[in-house]
Amino acid sequence: AVARCKPLRHAYEKEIVLYAYFEGLDYVSTECVYAPHAYRGHARSLLKDLEATRASTVAALGHSGRRLAVAAEVATKTLGAC
């Protein structure tokens, strides 16, 4: 298996948009019509509020998330028939 390379993993979204703009890359910035009603919008607004308080919040969350390991013995639910 080939490991995935994520060169812009530590870059902020604004930096990626600026990079695409200055390099003349196609960048689609339209939002899904269902996005305002999605739950992830609440999480996104929370992250934006945290980022406004401390600029490195999102980067710190990403770093700590990569350090977490899930044990093989973690119990998972089995799906039943509907």
C-alpha atoms as a PDB file:
ATOM      1  CA  ALA A   1       0.000   0.000   0.000  1.00  0.00           C
ATOM      2  CA  VAL A   2       1.169   3.503  -0.793  1.00  0.00           C
ATOM      3  CA  ALA A   3       1.044   6.017   2.020  1.00  0.00           C
ATOM      4  CA  ARG A   4      -1.014   9.122   1.328  1.00  0.00           C
ATOM      5  CA  CYS A   5       0.746  12.460   1.154  1.00  0.00           C
ATOM      6  CA  LYS A   6      -1.058  15.500   2.557  1.00  0.00           C
ATOM      7  CA  PRO A   7       1.278  18.437   1.935  1.00  0.00           C
ATOM      8  CA  LEU A   8      -1.265  21.100   2.913  1.00  0.00           C
ATOM      9  CA  ARG A   9      -2.492  19.316   6.054  1.00  0.00           C
ATOM     10  CA  HIS A  10      -1.066  21.995   8.354  1.00  0.00           C
ATOM     11  CA  ALA A  11      -2.114  24.946   6.180  1.00  0.00           C
ATOM     12  CA  TYR A  12      -5.153  27.011   7.045  1.00  0.00           C
ATOM     13  CA  GLU A  13      -8.087  27.098   4.630  1.00  0.00           C
ATOM     14  CA  LYS A  14      -7.478  30.776   3.837  1.00  0.00           C
ATOM     15  CA  GLU A  15      -3.871  30.002   2.918  1.00  0.00           C
ATOM     16  CA  ILE A  16      -4.954  27.177   0.614  1.00  0.00           C
ATOM     17  CA  VAL A  17      -7.470  29.457  -1.131  1.00  0.00           C
ATOM     18  CA  LEU A  18      -4.807  32.132  -1.610  1.00  0.00           C
ATOM     19  CA  TYR A  19      -2.363  29.538  -2.953  1.00  0.00           C
ATOM     20  CA  ALA A  20      -4.949  28.315  -5.472  1.00  0.00           C
ATOM     21  CA  TYR A  21      -5.745  31.894  -6.493  1.00  0.00           C
ATOM     22  CA  PHE A  22      -2.137  32.948  -7.089  1.00  0.00           C
ATOM     23  CA  GLU A  23      -1.268  29.715  -8.890  1.00  0.00           C
ATOM     24  CA  GLY A  24      -4.311  30.097 -11.154  1.00  0.00           C
ATOM     25  CA  LEU A  25      -5.803  26.784  -9.996  1.00  0.00           C
ATOM     26  CA  ASP A  26      -9.515  26.106 -10.304  1.00  0.00           C
ATOM     27  CA  TYR A  27     -11.137  26.478  -6.914  1.00  0.00           C
ATOM     28  CA  VAL A  28     -14.831  25.931  -6.313  1.00  0.00           C
ATOM     29  CA  SER A  29     -16.110  27.997  -3.430  1.00  0.00           C
ATOM     30  CA  THR A  30     -19.832  27.330  -3.694  1.00  0.00           C
ATOM     31  CA  GLU A  31     -21.559  25.921  -0.656  1.00  0.00           C
ATOM     32  CA  CYS A  32     -24.024  23.052  -0.681  1.00  0.00           C
ATOM     33  CA  VAL A  33     -27.633  24.259  -0.381  1.00  0.00           C
ATOM     34  CA  TYR A  34     -28.124  21.901   2.583  1.00  0.00           C
ATOM     35  CA  ALA A  35     -25.018  23.099   4.446  1.00  0.00           C
ATOM     36  CA  PRO A  36     -26.724  25.795   6.573  1.00  0.00           C
ATOM     37  CA  HIS A  37     -28.963  23.118   8.135  1.00  0.00           C
ATOM     38  CA  ALA A  38     -26.243  20.517   8.684  1.00  0.00           C
ATOM     39  CA  TYR A  39     -24.948  19.762  12.169  1.00  0.00           C
ATOM     40  CA  ARG A  40     -21.378  20.362  11.076  1.00  0.00           C
ATOM     41  CA  GLY A  41     -22.245  24.060  10.834  1.00  0.00           C
ATOM     42  CA  HIS A  42     -22.570  24.168  14.615  1.00  0.00           C
ATOM     43  CA  ALA A  43     -19.168  22.519  15.011  1.00  0.00           C
ATOM     44  CA  ARG A  44     -17.679  24.882  12.427  1.00  0.00           C
ATOM     45  CA  SER A  45     -18.999  27.964  14.236  1.00  0.00           C
ATOM     46  CA  LEU A  46     -17.628  26.611  17.534  1.00  0.00           C
ATOM     47  CA  LEU A  47     -14.208  26.125  15.932  1.00  0.00           C
ATOM     48  CA  LYS A  48     -14.313  29.625  14.452  1.00  0.00           C
ATOM     49  CA  ASP A  49     -15.131  31.074  17.875  1.00  0.00           C
ATOM     50  CA  LEU A  50     -12.271  29.118  19.445  1.00  0.00           C
ATOM     51  CA  GLU A  51      -9.941  30.198  16.641  1.00  0.00           C
ATOM     52  CA  ALA A  52     -10.876  33.846  17.255  1.00  0.00           C
ATOM     53  CA  THR A  53      -9.892  33.409  20.905  1.00  0.00           C
ATOM     54  CA  ARG A  54      -6.672  31.480  20.247  1.00  0.00           C
ATOM     55  CA  ALA A  55      -5.232  31.421  16.736  1.00  0.00           C
ATOM     56  CA  SER A  56      -3.673  27.964  16.959  1.00  0.00           C
ATOM     57  CA  THR A  57      -6.783  26.090  18.140  1.00  0.00           C
ATOM     58  CA  VAL A  58      -7.545  24.219  14.924  1.00  0.00           C
ATOM     59  CA  ALA A  59      -3.915  23.221  14.422  1.00  0.00           C
ATOM     60  CA  ALA A  60      -3.680  22.016  18.029  1.00  0.00           C
ATOM     61  CA  LEU A  61      -6.831  19.920  17.628  1.00  0.00           C
ATOM     62  CA  GLY A  62      -5.441  18.363  14.462  1.00  0.00           C
ATOM     63  CA  HIS A  63      -2.152  17.492  16.139  1.00  0.00           C
ATOM     64  CA  SER A  64      -3.844  15.981  19.192  1.00  0.00           C
ATOM     65  CA  GLY A  65      -6.267  14.011  17.025  1.00  0.00           C
ATOM     66  CA  ARG A  66      -3.413  12.361  15.148  1.00  0.00           C
ATOM     67  CA  ARG A  67      -1.843  11.280  18.448  1.00  0.00           C
ATOM     68  CA  LEU A  68      -4.952   9.428  19.569  1.00  0.00           C
ATOM     69  CA  ALA A  69      -4.942   5.698  19.007  1.00  0.00           C
ATOM     70  CA  VAL A  70      -7.983   3.468  19.007  1.00  0.00           C
ATOM     71  CA  ALA A  71      -7.421   0.098  20.620  1.00  0.00           C
ATOM     72  CA  ALA A  72      -8.271  -3.041  18.700  1.00  0.00           C
ATOM     73  CA  GLU A  73     -10.484  -4.212  21.542  1.00  0.00           C
ATOM     74  CA  VAL A  74     -12.895  -1.283  21.279  1.00  0.00           C
ATOM     75  CA  ALA A  75     -16.401  -2.679  21.218  1.00  0.00           C
ATOM     76  CA  THR A  76     -18.489  -1.739  18.198  1.00  0.00           C
ATOM     77  CA  LYS A  77     -22.183  -2.218  17.732  1.00  0.00           C
ATOM     78  CA  THR A  78     -23.385  -4.733  15.196  1.00  0.00           C
ATOM     79  CA  LEU A  79     -25.973  -3.439  12.793  1.00  0.00           C
ATOM     80  CA  GLY A  80     -29.290  -5.206  12.814  1.00  0.00           C
ATOM     81  CA  ALA A  81     -31.836  -5.540  10.040  1.00  0.00           C
ATOM     82  CA  CYS A  82     -34.388  -2.783   9.661  1.00  0.00           C
END
